[in-house]
Protein backbone atom coordinates (compact mmCIF):
# COMPACT_ATOMS: atom_id res chain seq x y z
CA MET A 1 0.10 -0.12 -0.10
CA PHE A 2 0.93 3.62 -0.84
CA LYS A 3 0.31 6.42 1.57
CA HIS A 4 -0.54 9.23 -0.59
CA ILE A 5 0.17 13.13 0.41
CA ASP A 6 -1.64 15.48 -1.42
CA ILE A 7 0.78 18.06 -3.61
CA ASP A 8 0.42 20.27 -5.55
CA LEU A 9 1.43 19.28 -9.41
CA PRO A 10 0.70 20.99 -12.48
CA GLU A 11 -2.09 20.02 -15.04
CA LEU A 12 -0.41 18.77 -18.03
CA THR A 13 -1.93 19.10 -21.22
CA ARG A 14 -0.88 17.54 -24.44
CA GLU A 15 -1.04 18.39 -28.12
CA THR A 16 -0.81 16.56 -31.52
CA ILE A 17 2.04 17.80 -33.74
CA ASP A 18 2.34 16.27 -37.18
CA GLY A 19 0.47 13.01 -35.81
CA VAL A 20 2.82 12.93 -33.02
CA ARG A 21 1.35 13.32 -29.58
CA PHE A 22 3.27 15.55 -27.09
CA TYR A 23 2.94 16.31 -23.30
CA ASN A 24 3.71 19.67 -22.16
CA VAL A 25 5.56 19.67 -19.08
CA PRO A 26 6.48 22.72 -16.96
CA ASP A 27 10.05 22.56 -15.62
CA ALA A 28 11.82 25.25 -13.85
CA ASP A 29 11.36 28.23 -16.39
CA GLU A 30 11.02 26.32 -19.51
CA LEU A 31 8.12 23.92 -20.96
CA LEU A 32 9.05 20.72 -21.81
CA LYS A 33 7.34 18.73 -24.58
CA LEU A 34 7.79 15.18 -23.99
CA VAL A 35 6.66 12.85 -26.70
CA SER A 36 4.31 9.94 -25.88
CA ILE A 37 5.42 6.37 -25.91
CA THR A 38 2.79 5.33 -28.16
CA SER A 39 4.34 7.86 -30.75
CA VAL A 40 7.78 6.56 -30.05
CA THR A 41 7.05 3.09 -30.50
CA SER A 42 4.71 3.77 -33.52
CA HIS A 43 7.71 5.59 -35.25
CA PHE A 44 10.25 3.09 -34.58
CA ASN A 45 7.78 0.17 -35.61
CA ARG A 46 6.18 1.65 -38.42
CA GLU A 47 7.71 -0.42 -41.09
CA THR A 48 7.60 -3.52 -38.81
CA PHE A 49 3.75 -3.55 -38.49
CA ALA A 50 3.08 -2.60 -42.25
CA LYS A 51 5.13 -5.59 -43.08
CA TRP A 52 3.01 -7.48 -40.26
CA ARG A 53 -0.33 -6.13 -41.74
CA LYS A 54 0.37 -7.39 -45.27
CA ARG A 55 1.48 -10.79 -43.95
CA VAL A 56 -1.40 -11.46 -41.70
CA GLY A 57 -3.94 -9.45 -43.74
CA GLU A 58 -5.92 -6.27 -42.66
CA ASP A 59 -8.92 -8.12 -41.43
CA GLU A 60 -6.83 -10.23 -39.13
CA ALA A 61 -4.44 -7.40 -38.04
CA ASN A 62 -7.45 -5.03 -36.96
CA LYS A 63 -8.76 -7.99 -34.75
CA ILE A 64 -5.43 -8.62 -33.11
CA THR A 65 -4.88 -4.84 -32.71
CA LYS A 66 -8.16 -4.31 -31.11
CA LYS A 67 -7.47 -7.08 -28.47
CA ALA A 68 -3.86 -5.77 -27.92
CA THR A 69 -5.22 -2.12 -27.27
CA SER A 70 -7.81 -3.40 -25.11
CA ARG A 71 -5.50 -5.15 -22.83
CA GLY A 72 -3.62 -1.94 -22.76
CA THR A 73 -6.54 -0.19 -21.46
CA ASP A 74 -6.92 -2.71 -19.04
CA MET A 75 -3.58 -2.59 -17.82
CA HIS A 76 -3.77 1.32 -17.49
CA THR A 77 -6.66 0.89 -15.43
CA LEU A 78 -5.37 -1.78 -13.21
CA VAL A 79 -2.06 0.03 -12.92
CA GLU A 80 -3.93 3.38 -11.95
CA ASN A 81 -6.02 1.54 -9.11
CA PHE A 82 -2.73 0.10 -7.87
CA LEU A 83 -0.95 3.13 -7.68
CA ARG A 84 -4.21 4.80 -5.86
CA ASN A 85 -4.93 1.98 -3.53
CA GLU A 86 -8.09 1.22 -5.04
CA GLU A 87 -9.26 -2.42 -5.35
CA MET A 88 -8.76 -3.98 -8.54
CA PRO A 89 -12.26 -3.61 -10.51
CA THR A 90 -13.74 -7.40 -10.66
CA GLY A 91 -14.99 -8.24 -13.75
CA SER A 92 -14.48 -5.08 -15.59
CA VAL A 93 -11.28 -6.07 -17.42
CA GLN A 94 -10.46 -9.35 -19.65
CA PRO A 95 -9.03 -12.25 -17.64
CA LEU A 96 -5.62 -12.27 -19.29
CA SER A 97 -5.45 -8.27 -18.94
CA GLU A 98 -5.95 -9.37 -14.94
CA PHE A 99 -3.31 -12.30 -15.28
CA LEU A 100 -0.78 -10.09 -17.08
CA TYR A 101 -1.20 -7.37 -14.40
CA LEU A 102 -0.60 -9.88 -11.42
CA LEU A 103 2.55 -11.30 -12.96
CA ALA A 104 3.88 -7.54 -13.27
CA LYS A 105 2.29 -5.96 -9.75
CA ASP A 106 5.66 -7.25 -7.99
CA ASP A 107 7.48 -5.24 -10.50
CA LEU A 108 5.47 -2.18 -10.82
CA LYS A 109 5.89 -1.84 -6.90
CA LYS A 110 9.68 -1.66 -7.42
CA ILE A 111 9.63 0.67 -10.33
CA ALA A 112 6.91 2.87 -8.06
CA LEU A 113 9.15 2.98 -5.34
CA ARG A 114 12.54 3.41 -6.97
CA THR A 115 10.95 6.47 -8.89
CA LEU A 116 9.56 7.97 -5.49
CA ALA A 117 13.00 7.54 -4.10
CA ALA A 118 14.70 8.99 -7.10
CA LEU A 119 12.14 12.10 -7.11
CA HIS A 120 12.91 12.51 -3.38
CA GLN A 121 16.65 12.83 -4.11
CA LYS A 122 15.75 15.64 -6.31
CA LYS A 123 13.32 17.05 -3.87
CA LYS A 124 10.30 16.91 -6.12
CA ALA A 125 8.45 14.16 -4.17
CA PRO A 126 6.53 14.33 -0.74
CA GLN A 127 7.52 11.86 1.98
CA CYS A 128 5.93 8.43 1.22
CA ILE A 129 5.79 4.93 3.17
């Protein structure tokens, strides 16, 4: 369980520039534009995905892509609930998504704790347990 302490964080905005999603992140005196991970993976794998779609066919590729994006959305929901100390929404995610989340949960906790420790060193995070 995480102990949450409210801190005042700026609201992040996002924008799409030439089909690439960016998050606007204030940092000291400047505004950083950080590219989304989805945009990064799409860029570096564009040719790979195109070849795969041609090999399996558009209908099959669309079916597989829909299942994969649904699992990704499920994983986001499960991780957010975990970080907020909320119960896992029973039956609201696919069984495979729940299984993959449970496999990843210990590593997620380690990543969260390492991230908080790094932020503490930079004096940008509140005390937590």
